[in-house]
Structure formats: C-alpha cells, structure tokens
PDB file of all heavy atoms in Angstrom:
ATOM      1  N   GLN A   1      52.273  -1.245 -34.724  1.00  0.00           N
ATOM      2  CA  GLN A   1      52.487  -2.170 -33.730  1.00  0.00           C
ATOM      3  C   GLN A   1      51.659  -1.879 -32.393  1.00  0.00           C
ATOM      4  O   GLN A   1      51.752  -2.529 -31.444  1.00  0.00           O
ATOM      5  CB  GLN A   1      53.980  -2.187 -33.329  1.00  0.00           C
ATOM      6  CG  GLN A   1      54.869  -2.735 -34.355  1.00  0.00           C
ATOM      7  CD  GLN A   1      56.230  -3.136 -33.959  1.00  0.00           C
ATOM      8  OE1 GLN A   1      56.323  -3.833 -32.942  1.00  0.00           O
ATOM      9  NE2 GLN A   1      57.258  -2.674 -34.661  1.00  0.00           N
ATOM     10  N   GLY A   2      50.775  -0.765 -32.558  1.00  0.00           N
ATOM     11  CA  GLY A   2      49.945  -0.459 -31.417  1.00  0.00           C
ATOM     12  C   GLY A   2      50.806   0.169 -30.161  1.00  0.00           C
ATOM     13  O   GLY A   2      50.423  -0.041 -29.018  1.00  0.00           O
ATOM     14  N   GLN A   3      51.904   0.704 -30.462  1.00  0.00           N
ATOM     15  CA  GLN A   3      52.798   1.318 -29.402  1.00  0.00           C
ATOM     16  C   GLN A   3      52.620   2.805 -29.159  1.00  0.00           C
ATOM     17  O   GLN A   3      52.519   3.525 -30.113  1.00  0.00           O
ATOM     18  CB  GLN A   3      54.268   0.981 -29.702  1.00  0.00           C
ATOM     19  CG  GLN A   3      54.630  -0.574 -29.704  1.00  0.00           C
ATOM     20  CD  GLN A   3      56.124  -0.785 -29.922  1.00  0.00           C
ATOM     21  OE1 GLN A   3      56.868   0.117 -30.161  1.00  0.00           O
ATOM     22  NE2 GLN A   3      56.493  -1.975 -29.791  1.00  0.00           N
ATOM     23  N   TYR A   4      52.445   3.129 -27.906  1.00  0.00           N
ATOM     24  CA  TYR A   4      52.293   4.480 -27.480  1.00  0.00           C
ATOM     25  C   TYR A   4      53.235   4.726 -26.313  1.00  0.00           C
ATOM     26  O   TYR A   4      53.667   3.919 -25.619  1.00  0.00           O
ATOM     27  CB  TYR A   4      50.822   4.806 -27.102  1.00  0.00           C
ATOM     28  CG  TYR A   4      49.790   4.655 -28.224  1.00  0.00           C
ATOM     29  CD1 TYR A   4      49.353   3.369 -28.552  1.00  0.00           C
ATOM     30  CD2 TYR A   4      49.339   5.739 -28.817  1.00  0.00           C
ATOM     31  CE1 TYR A   4      48.501   3.228 -29.598  1.00  0.00           C
ATOM     32  CE2 TYR A   4      48.339   5.632 -29.788  1.00  0.00           C
ATOM     33  CZ  TYR A   4      48.019   4.292 -30.277  1.00  0.00           C
ATOM     34  OH  TYR A   4      47.159   4.203 -31.327  1.00  0.00           O
ATOM     35  N   ARG A   5      53.546   6.003 -26.027  1.00  0.00           N
ATOM     36  CA  ARG A   5      54.352   6.465 -24.976  1.00  0.00           C
ATOM     37  C   ARG A   5      53.604   7.460 -24.130  1.00  0.00           C
ATOM     38  O   ARG A   5      52.983   8.315 -24.649  1.00  0.00           O
ATOM     39  CB  ARG A   5      55.701   7.074 -25.411  1.00  0.00           C
ATOM     40  CG  ARG A   5      56.526   7.608 -24.242  1.00  0.00           C
ATOM     41  CD  ARG A   5      58.001   7.604 -24.669  1.00  0.00           C
ATOM     42  NE  ARG A   5      58.458   6.210 -24.926  1.00  0.00           N
ATOM     43  CZ  ARG A   5      59.536   5.956 -25.615  1.00  0.00           C
ATOM     44  NH1 ARG A   5      60.281   6.915 -26.221  1.00  0.00           N
ATOM     45  NH2 ARG A   5      59.951   4.675 -25.692  1.00  0.00           N
ATOM     46  N   LEU A   6      53.644   7.223 -22.882  1.00  0.00           N
ATOM     47  CA  LEU A   6      53.107   8.169 -21.781  1.00  0.00           C
ATOM     48  C   LEU A   6      54.286   8.969 -21.212  1.00  0.00           C
ATOM     49  O   LEU A   6      55.299   8.450 -20.801  1.00  0.00           O
ATOM     50  CB  LEU A   6      52.254   7.416 -20.758  1.00  0.00           C
ATOM     51  CG  LEU A   6      51.236   6.438 -21.145  1.00  0.00           C
ATOM     52  CD1 LEU A   6      50.512   6.056 -19.846  1.00  0.00           C
ATOM     53  CD2 LEU A   6      50.306   7.068 -22.060  1.00  0.00           C
ATOM     54  N   VAL A   7      54.068  10.311 -21.099  1.00  0.00           N
ATOM     55  CA  VAL A   7      55.168  11.182 -20.494  1.00  0.00           C
ATOM     56  C   VAL A   7      54.417  11.772 -19.283  1.00  0.00           C
ATOM     57  O   VAL A   7      53.369  12.449 -19.336  1.00  0.00           O
ATOM     58  CB  VAL A   7      55.587  12.215 -21.438  1.00  0.00           C
ATOM     59  CG1 VAL A   7      56.622  12.962 -20.742  1.00  0.00           C
ATOM     60  CG2 VAL A   7      56.108  11.575 -22.718  1.00  0.00           C
ATOM     61  N   ILE A   8      55.018  11.483 -18.035  1.00  0.00           N
ATOM     62  CA  ILE A   8      54.530  11.881 -16.819  1.00  0.00           C
ATOM     63  C   ILE A   8      55.349  12.908 -16.097  1.00  0.00           C
ATOM     64  O   ILE A   8      56.582  12.512 -15.954  1.00  0.00           O
ATOM     65  CB  ILE A   8      54.131  10.706 -15.779  1.00  0.00           C
ATOM     66  CG1 ILE A   8      53.302   9.661 -16.578  1.00  0.00           C
ATOM     67  CG2 ILE A   8      53.524  11.112 -14.615  1.00  0.00           C
ATOM     68  CD1 ILE A   8      53.239   8.346 -15.807  1.00  0.00           C
ATOM     69  N   ASN A   9      54.887  13.981 -15.734  1.00  0.00           N
ATOM     70  CA  ASN A   9      55.653  14.944 -14.915  1.00  0.00           C
ATOM     71  C   ASN A   9      55.069  15.225 -13.546  1.00  0.00           C
ATOM     72  O   ASN A   9      54.083  15.942 -13.380  1.00  0.00           O
ATOM     73  CB  ASN A   9      55.770  16.272 -15.660  1.00  0.00           C
ATOM     74  CG  ASN A   9      56.655  16.202 -16.894  1.00  0.00           C
ATOM     75  OD1 ASN A   9      57.850  16.026 -16.865  1.00  0.00           O
ATOM     76  ND2 ASN A   9      56.044  16.301 -18.021  1.00  0.00           N
ATOM     77  N   PRO A  10      55.599  14.500 -12.585  1.00  0.00           N
ATOM     78  CA  PRO A  10      54.949  14.633 -11.220  1.00  0.00           C
ATOM     79  C   PRO A  10      55.554  15.771 -10.485  1.00  0.00           C
ATOM     80  O   PRO A  10      56.796  16.203 -10.703  1.00  0.00           O
ATOM     81  CB  PRO A  10      55.425  13.277 -10.475  1.00  0.00           C
ATOM     82  CG  PRO A  10      56.653  12.975 -11.186  1.00  0.00           C
ATOM     83  CD  PRO A  10      56.604  13.431 -12.565  1.00  0.00           C
ATOM     84  N   VAL A  11      54.707  16.377  -9.606  1.00  0.00           N
ATOM     85  CA  VAL A  11      55.146  17.403  -8.665  1.00  0.00           C
ATOM     86  C   VAL A  11      55.278  17.015  -7.223  1.00  0.00           C
ATOM     87  O   VAL A  11      55.804  17.757  -6.290  1.00  0.00           O
ATOM     88  CB  VAL A  11      54.326  18.746  -8.791  1.00  0.00           C
ATOM     89  CG1 VAL A  11      54.519  19.263 -10.207  1.00  0.00           C
ATOM     90  CG2 VAL A  11      52.948  18.408  -8.484  1.00  0.00           C
ATOM     91  N   ARG A  12      54.696  15.797  -6.936  1.00  0.00           N
ATOM     92  CA  ARG A  12      54.803  15.246  -5.639  1.00  0.00           C
ATOM     93  C   ARG A  12      55.079  13.723  -5.700  1.00  0.00           C
ATOM     94  O   ARG A  12      54.438  13.065  -6.497  1.00  0.00           O
ATOM     95  CB  ARG A  12      53.620  15.435  -4.832  1.00  0.00           C
ATOM     96  CG  ARG A  12      53.648  14.996  -3.336  1.00  0.00           C
ATOM     97  CD  ARG A  12      52.352  15.250  -2.633  1.00  0.00           C
ATOM     98  NE  ARG A  12      51.145  14.513  -3.024  1.00  0.00           N
ATOM     99  CZ  ARG A  12      49.895  14.984  -2.895  1.00  0.00           C
ATOM    100  NH1 ARG A  12      49.668  16.095  -2.283  1.00  0.00           N
ATOM    101  NH2 ARG A  12      48.896  14.282  -3.367  1.00  0.00           N
ATOM    102  N   SER A  13      55.973  13.207  -4.996  1.00  0.00           N
ATOM    103  CA  SER A  13      56.277  11.730  -5.062  1.00  0.00           C
ATOM    104  C   SER A  13      55.176  10.960  -4.526  1.00  0.00           C
ATOM    105  O   SER A  13      54.420  11.370  -3.603  1.00  0.00           O
ATOM    106  CB  SER A  13      57.648  11.560  -4.189  1.00  0.00           C
ATOM    107  OG  SER A  13      58.737  12.321  -4.750  1.00  0.00           O
ATOM    108  N   GLY A  14      55.159   9.661  -4.900  1.00  0.00           N
ATOM    109  CA  GLY A  14      54.099   8.836  -4.413  1.00  0.00           C
ATOM    110  C   GLY A  14      53.687   7.762  -5.458  1.00  0.00           C
ATOM    111  O   GLY A  14      54.399   7.645  -6.519  1.00  0.00           O
ATOM    112  N   GLU A  15      52.662   7.072  -5.318  1.00  0.00           N
ATOM    113  CA  GLU A  15      52.140   6.125  -6.193  1.00  0.00           C
ATOM    114  C   GLU A  15      50.985   6.664  -7.023  1.00  0.00           C
ATOM    115  O   GLU A  15      50.268   7.560  -6.560  1.00  0.00           O
ATOM    116  CB  GLU A  15      51.588   4.879  -5.499  1.00  0.00           C
ATOM    117  CG  GLU A  15      52.668   4.032  -4.873  1.00  0.00           C
ATOM    118  CD  GLU A  15      52.080   2.701  -4.332  1.00  0.00           C
ATOM    119  OE1 GLU A  15      50.898   2.560  -4.234  1.00  0.00           O
ATOM    120  OE2 GLU A  15      52.945   1.720  -3.927  1.00  0.00           O
ATOM    121  N   ALA A  16      50.809   6.185  -8.255  1.00  0.00           N
ATOM    122  CA  ALA A  16      49.826   6.744  -9.177  1.00  0.00           C
ATOM    123  C   ALA A  16      49.255   5.594  -9.908  1.00  0.00           C
ATOM    124  O   ALA A  16      49.947   4.643 -10.191  1.00  0.00           O
ATOM    125  CB  ALA A  16      50.363   7.732 -10.077  1.00  0.00           C
ATOM    126  N   LEU A  17      48.011   5.658 -10.148  1.00  0.00           N
ATOM    127  CA  LEU A  17      47.279   4.726 -11.076  1.00  0.00           C
ATOM    128  C   LEU A  17      46.867   5.567 -12.395  1.00  0.00           C
ATOM    129  O   LEU A  17      46.317   6.614 -12.240  1.00  0.00           O
ATOM    130  CB  LEU A  17      45.969   4.177 -10.435  1.00  0.00           C
ATOM    131  CG  LEU A  17      46.257   3.263  -9.223  1.00  0.00           C
ATOM    132  CD1 LEU A  17      44.868   2.908  -8.594  1.00  0.00           C
ATOM    133  CD2 LEU A  17      46.928   2.016  -9.586  1.00  0.00           C
ATOM    134  N   ILE A  18      47.151   4.987 -13.529  1.00  0.00           N
ATOM    135  CA  ILE A  18      46.903   5.715 -14.711  1.00  0.00           C
ATOM    136  C   ILE A  18      45.758   4.950 -15.518  1.00  0.00           C
ATOM    137  O   ILE A  18      45.907   3.798 -15.862  1.00  0.00           O
ATOM    138  CB  ILE A  18      48.141   5.783 -15.658  1.00  0.00           C
ATOM    139  CG1 ILE A  18      49.314   6.356 -14.759  1.00  0.00           C
ATOM    140  CG2 ILE A  18      47.904   6.789 -16.834  1.00  0.00           C
ATOM    141  CD1 ILE A  18      49.136   7.761 -14.312  1.00  0.00           C
ATOM    142  N   GLU A  19      44.731   5.730 -15.874  1.00  0.00           N
ATOM    143  CA  GLU A  19      43.725   5.173 -16.675  1.00  0.00           C
ATOM    144  C   GLU A  19      43.830   5.565 -18.141  1.00  0.00           C
ATOM    145  O   GLU A  19      44.202   6.764 -18.453  1.00  0.00           O
ATOM    146  CB  GLU A  19      42.307   5.668 -16.238  1.00  0.00           C
ATOM    147  CG  GLU A  19      41.195   5.034 -16.944  1.00  0.00           C
ATOM    148  CD  GLU A  19      39.851   5.703 -16.459  1.00  0.00           C
ATOM    149  OE1 GLU A  19      39.444   6.715 -16.971  1.00  0.00           O
ATOM    150  OE2 GLU A  19      39.059   4.952 -15.738  1.00  0.00           O
ATOM    151  N   VAL A  20      43.701   4.556 -18.987  1.00  0.00           N
ATOM    152  CA  VAL A  20      43.996   4.842 -20.427  1.00  0.00           C
ATOM    153  C   VAL A  20      42.685   4.557 -21.320  1.00  0.00           C
ATOM    154  O   VAL A  20      42.191   3.411 -21.106  1.00  0.00           O
ATOM    155  CB  VAL A  20      45.120   3.931 -21.039  1.00  0.00           C
ATOM    156  CG1 VAL A  20      45.463   4.227 -22.477  1.00  0.00           C
ATOM    157  CG2 VAL A  20      46.427   4.126 -20.153  1.00  0.00           C
ATOM    158  N   ASN A  21      42.273   5.433 -22.152  1.00  0.00           N
ATOM    159  CA  ASN A  21      41.191   5.404 -22.867  1.00  0.00           C
ATOM    160  C   ASN A  21      41.388   5.698 -24.435  1.00  0.00           C
ATOM    161  O   ASN A  21      42.283   6.426 -24.681  1.00  0.00           O
ATOM    162  CB  ASN A  21      39.962   6.290 -22.421  1.00  0.00           C
ATOM    163  CG  ASN A  21      39.539   5.981 -21.075  1.00  0.00           C
ATOM    164  OD1 ASN A  21      39.264   4.869 -20.677  1.00  0.00           O
ATOM    165  ND2 ASN A  21      39.533   6.993 -20.147  1.00  0.00           N
ATOM    166  N   LEU A  22      40.737   5.089 -25.177  1.00  0.00           N
ATOM    167  CA  LEU A  22      40.769   5.278 -26.685  1.00  0.00           C
ATOM    168  C   LEU A  22      39.783   6.409 -27.031  1.00  0.00           C
ATOM    169  O   LEU A  22      38.645   6.359 -26.639  1.00  0.00           O
ATOM    170  CB  LEU A  22      40.489   4.078 -27.575  1.00  0.00           C
ATOM    171  CG  LEU A  22      41.302   2.848 -27.191  1.00  0.00           C
ATOM    172  CD1 LEU A  22      40.875   1.653 -28.101  1.00  0.00           C
ATOM    173  CD2 LEU A  22      42.739   3.114 -27.479  1.00  0.00           C
ATOM    174  N   VAL A  23      40.302   7.374 -27.828  1.00  0.00           N
ATOM    175  CA  VAL A  23      39.377   8.427 -28.182  1.00  0.00           C
ATOM    176  C   VAL A  23      39.310   8.542 -29.722  1.00  0.00           C
ATOM    177  O   VAL A  23      40.315   8.733 -30.408  1.00  0.00           O
ATOM    178  CB  VAL A  23      39.833   9.835 -27.597  1.00  0.00           C
ATOM    179  CG1 VAL A  23      38.997  10.974 -28.089  1.00  0.00           C
ATOM    180  CG2 VAL A  23      39.955   9.818 -26.148  1.00  0.00           C
ATOM    181  N   GLY A  24      38.170   8.194 -30.254  1.00  0.00           N
ATOM    182  CA  GLY A  24      37.980   8.391 -31.780  1.00  0.00           C
ATOM    183  C   GLY A  24      37.291   9.565 -32.086  1.00  0.00           C
ATOM    184  O   GLY A  24      36.957  10.465 -31.236  1.00  0.00           O
ATOM    185  N   GLU A  25      36.685   9.698 -33.366  1.00  0.00           N
ATOM    186  CA  GLU A  25      36.068  10.810 -33.690  1.00  0.00           C
ATOM    187  C   GLU A  25      34.799  11.093 -32.948  1.00  0.00           C
ATOM    188  O   GLU A  25      34.331  12.241 -32.593  1.00  0.00           O
ATOM    189  CB  GLU A  25      35.688  10.823 -35.202  1.00  0.00           C
ATOM    190  CG  GLU A  25      35.068  11.961 -35.771  1.00  0.00           C
ATOM    191  CD  GLU A  25      34.985  11.882 -37.274  1.00  0.00           C
ATOM    192  OE1 GLU A  25      35.640  11.089 -37.967  1.00  0.00           O
ATOM    193  OE2 GLU A  25      34.095  12.605 -37.887  1.00  0.00           O
ATOM    194  N   SER A  26      33.962  10.002 -32.583  1.00  0.00           N
ATOM    195  CA  SER A  26      32.797  10.205 -31.934  1.00  0.00           C
ATOM    196  C   SER A  26      32.629   9.125 -30.825  1.00  0.00           C
ATOM    197  O   SER A  26      31.487   8.727 -30.454  1.00  0.00           O
ATOM    198  CB  SER A  26      31.600   9.961 -32.981  1.00  0.00           C
ATOM    199  OG  SER A  26      31.685   8.770 -33.541  1.00  0.00           O
ATOM    200  N   VAL A  27      33.741   8.540 -30.301  1.00  0.00           N
ATOM    201  CA  VAL A  27      33.658   7.472 -29.326  1.00  0.00           C
ATOM    202  C   VAL A  27      34.850   7.508 -28.362  1.00  0.00           C
ATOM    203  O   VAL A  27      35.953   7.966 -28.748  1.00  0.00           O
ATOM    204  CB  VAL A  27      33.630   6.156 -30.073  1.00  0.00           C
ATOM    205  CG1 VAL A  27      34.864   5.969 -30.896  1.00  0.00           C
ATOM    206  CG2 VAL A  27      33.434   4.954 -29.035  1.00  0.00           C
ATOM    207  N   THR A  28      34.588   7.249 -27.132  1.00  0.00           N
ATOM    208  CA  THR A  28      35.636   7.088 -26.076  1.00  0.00           C
ATOM    209  C   THR A  28      35.415   5.764 -25.374  1.00  0.00           C
ATOM    210  O   THR A  28      34.231   5.533 -25.035  1.00  0.00           O
ATOM    211  CB  THR A  28      35.566   8.201 -25.122  1.00  0.00           C
ATOM    212  OG1 THR A  28      35.868   9.465 -25.818  1.00  0.00           O
ATOM    213  CG2 THR A  28      36.621   7.961 -24.110  1.00  0.00           C
ATOM    214  N   GLU A  29      36.379   4.903 -25.356  1.00  0.00           N
ATOM    215  CA  GLU A  29      36.129   3.646 -24.691  1.00  0.00           C
ATOM    216  C   GLU A  29      37.491   3.154 -23.935  1.00  0.00           C
ATOM    217  O   GLU A  29      38.557   3.756 -24.248  1.00  0.00           O
ATOM    218  CB  GLU A  29      35.642   2.441 -25.645  1.00  0.00           C
ATOM    219  CG  GLU A  29      36.759   2.217 -26.665  1.00  0.00           C
ATOM    220  CD  GLU A  29      36.284   1.024 -27.640  1.00  0.00           C
ATOM    221  OE1 GLU A  29      34.993   0.984 -27.763  1.00  0.00           O
ATOM    222  OE2 GLU A  29      36.999   0.318 -28.020  1.00  0.00           O
ATOM    223  N   ASN A  30      37.331   2.181 -23.175  1.00  0.00           N
ATOM    224  CA  ASN A  30      38.528   1.751 -22.496  1.00  0.00           C
ATOM    225  C   ASN A  30      39.556   1.182 -23.419  1.00  0.00           C
ATOM    226  O   ASN A  30      39.143   0.384 -24.319  1.00  0.00           O
ATOM    227  CB  ASN A  30      38.068   0.666 -21.383  1.00  0.00           C
ATOM    228  CG  ASN A  30      37.312   1.260 -20.235  1.00  0.00           C
ATOM    229  OD1 ASN A  30      37.131   2.518 -20.108  1.00  0.00           O
ATOM    230  ND2 ASN A  30      36.679   0.513 -19.374  1.00  0.00           N
ATOM    231  N   ALA A  31      40.755   1.361 -23.214  1.00  0.00           N
ATOM    232  CA  ALA A  31      41.897   0.707 -23.994  1.00  0.00           C
ATOM    233  C   ALA A  31      42.053  -0.586 -23.390  1.00  0.00           C
ATOM    234  O   ALA A  31      41.930  -0.923 -22.212  1.00  0.00           O
ATOM    235  CB  ALA A  31      43.116   1.475 -23.920  1.00  0.00           C
ATOM    236  N   LYS A  32      42.354  -1.631 -24.302  1.00  0.00           N
ATOM    237  CA  LYS A  32      42.924  -2.919 -23.845  1.00  0.00           C
ATOM    238  C   LYS A  32      44.351  -3.008 -23.968  1.00  0.00           C
ATOM    239  O   LYS A  32      44.897  -3.049 -25.091  1.00  0.00           O
ATOM    240  CB  LYS A  32      42.180  -4.003 -24.739  1.00  0.00           C
ATOM    241  CG  LYS A  32      42.623  -5.380 -24.160  1.00  0.00           C
ATOM    242  CD  LYS A  32      41.911  -6.543 -24.843  1.00  0.00           C
ATOM    243  CE  LYS A  32      42.196  -7.895 -24.310  1.00  0.00           C
ATOM    244  NZ  LYS A  32      41.610  -9.026 -24.991  1.00  0.00           N
ATOM    245  N   ILE A  33      45.059  -3.099 -22.949  1.00  0.00           N
ATOM    246  CA  ILE A  33      46.481  -3.013 -22.844  1.00  0.00           C
ATOM    247  C   ILE A  33      47.203  -4.386 -22.688  1.00  0.00           C
ATOM    248  O   ILE A  33      46.950  -5.137 -21.898  1.00  0.00           O
ATOM    249  CB  ILE A  33      47.022  -2.147 -21.641  1.00  0.00           C
ATOM    250  CG1 ILE A  33      46.259  -0.823 -21.709  1.00  0.00           C
ATOM    251  CG2 ILE A  33      48.453  -2.011 -21.603  1.00  0.00           C
ATOM    252  CD1 ILE A  33      46.491   0.058 -20.327  1.00  0.00           C
ATOM    253  N   TYR A  34      48.065  -4.584 -23.788  1.00  0.00           N
ATOM    254  CA  TYR A  34      48.777  -5.851 -23.754  1.00  0.00           C
ATOM    255  C   TYR A  34      49.914  -5.873 -22.771  1.00  0.00           C
ATOM    256  O   TYR A  34      50.255  -6.830 -22.071  1.00  0.00           O
ATOM    257  CB  TYR A  34      49.413  -6.160 -25.121  1.00  0.00           C
ATOM    258  CG  TYR A  34      48.455  -7.075 -25.958  1.00  0.00           C
ATOM    259  CD1 TYR A  34      48.040  -6.794 -27.217  1.00  0.00           C
ATOM    260  CD2 TYR A  34      48.055  -8.294 -25.352  1.00  0.00           C
ATOM    261  CE1 TYR A  34      47.341  -7.694 -27.926  1.00  0.00           C
ATOM    262  CE2 TYR A  34      47.315  -9.167 -26.189  1.00  0.00           C
ATOM    263  CZ  TYR A  34      46.862  -8.852 -27.428  1.00  0.00           C
ATOM    264  OH  TYR A  34      46.030  -9.658 -28.208  1.00  0.00           O
TER     265      TYR A  34
END
C-alpha cells in the first residue's frame, strides 16, 4: 500500500520541515507523497 512510518525524537520544541527521498540500490530521488 506504499505506507511508511516516520519516528521523530526532538530535543528542542518548535517547527520542523521533513524531506523524504527514495533510496534504491543505485539511485536516490524525491519521494512523491500522497
């Protein structure tokens, strides 16, 4: 189903932007998030 989970452990409160990329055997590219 293309489902993944991110687990984030912050040490300082605030806002964050998270970049997600696909990593294959020989390629890294931007993920397309539904």
